[in-house]
Amino acid sequence: MLSHYTVGLKLKGKVDRVFVDAEDALIAALKVKAEHPDALISYVRRKNRRGDARHPAHSLTEDTR
């Protein structure tokens, strides 16, 4: 069963966050790390409906800044 996770990362001196569908938090972090090997993962948490609506992130398939 897939869940929605928000992964915070730092890439090229800029902080960003992306949404990832994964079975658990470790797999979500590894998916982001596979897409951006030079990124520093700062946190992984379940997607928060209210908080993420106020501060939307983008999905993993889009390019980060």
Protein backbone atom coordinates (compact mmCIF):
# COMPACT_ATOMS: atom_id res chain seq x y z
CA MET A 1 0.00 0.00 0.00
CA LEU A 2 1.47 3.32 -1.08
CA SER A 3 1.40 6.37 1.18
CA HIS A 4 2.22 9.99 0.44
CA TYR A 5 5.42 11.41 1.96
CA THR A 6 7.01 14.84 1.99
CA VAL A 7 10.79 14.75 1.71
CA GLY A 8 12.83 17.81 2.66
CA LEU A 9 16.16 18.21 0.94
CA LYS A 10 19.00 20.64 0.34
CA LEU A 11 20.32 20.79 -3.20
CA LYS A 12 22.96 23.21 -4.49
CA GLY A 13 22.58 25.43 -1.43
CA LYS A 14 18.79 25.70 -1.73
CA VAL A 15 16.22 24.06 0.52
CA ASP A 16 13.32 22.30 -1.19
CA ARG A 17 10.65 19.68 -0.51
CA VAL A 18 8.99 17.13 -2.78
CA PHE A 19 6.05 14.74 -2.57
CA VAL A 20 6.74 11.04 -3.09
CA ASP A 21 4.46 8.01 -3.17
CA ALA A 22 6.16 5.10 -1.39
CA GLU A 23 5.57 2.13 0.92
CA ASP A 24 7.48 3.71 3.81
CA ALA A 25 9.67 6.69 4.71
CA LEU A 26 12.98 4.97 3.91
CA ILE A 27 11.88 4.10 0.39
CA ALA A 28 10.65 7.69 -0.11
CA ALA A 29 14.06 9.04 0.92
CA LEU A 30 15.86 6.56 -1.34
CA LYS A 31 13.69 7.54 -4.33
CA VAL A 32 14.66 11.19 -3.87
CA LYS A 33 18.33 10.26 -3.38
CA ALA A 34 18.26 8.18 -6.58
CA GLU A 35 16.82 11.12 -8.52
CA HIS A 36 19.23 13.67 -6.95
CA PRO A 37 22.38 11.87 -5.69
CA ASP A 38 24.05 15.09 -4.51
CA ALA A 39 21.05 16.15 -2.38
CA LEU A 40 21.15 16.16 1.42
CA ILE A 41 17.94 14.65 2.85
CA SER A 42 16.87 16.61 5.93
CA TYR A 43 13.53 14.96 6.79
CA VAL A 44 10.84 12.55 5.64
CA ARG A 45 7.29 12.69 6.97
CA ARG A 46 3.81 11.67 5.98
CA LYS A 47 2.00 14.20 3.84
CA ASN A 48 0.09 16.63 6.05
CA ARG A 49 -3.18 17.73 4.49
CA ARG A 50 -3.51 21.17 6.12
CA GLY A 51 0.17 22.14 6.37
CA ASP A 52 1.01 21.02 2.85
CA ALA A 53 -1.94 22.93 1.43
CA ARG A 54 -0.54 26.13 2.92
CA HIS A 55 3.00 25.47 1.71
CA PRO A 56 2.71 23.28 -1.39
CA ALA A 57 5.64 21.22 -2.61
CA HIS A 58 6.09 19.64 -6.01
CA SER A 59 6.30 16.02 -7.10
CA LEU A 60 9.54 14.12 -7.64
CA THR A 61 9.26 14.10 -11.43
CA GLU A 62 9.59 17.89 -11.72
CA ASP A 63 13.02 19.54 -11.76
CA THR A 64 14.11 21.23 -8.54
CA ARG A 65 15.39 24.76 -8.48
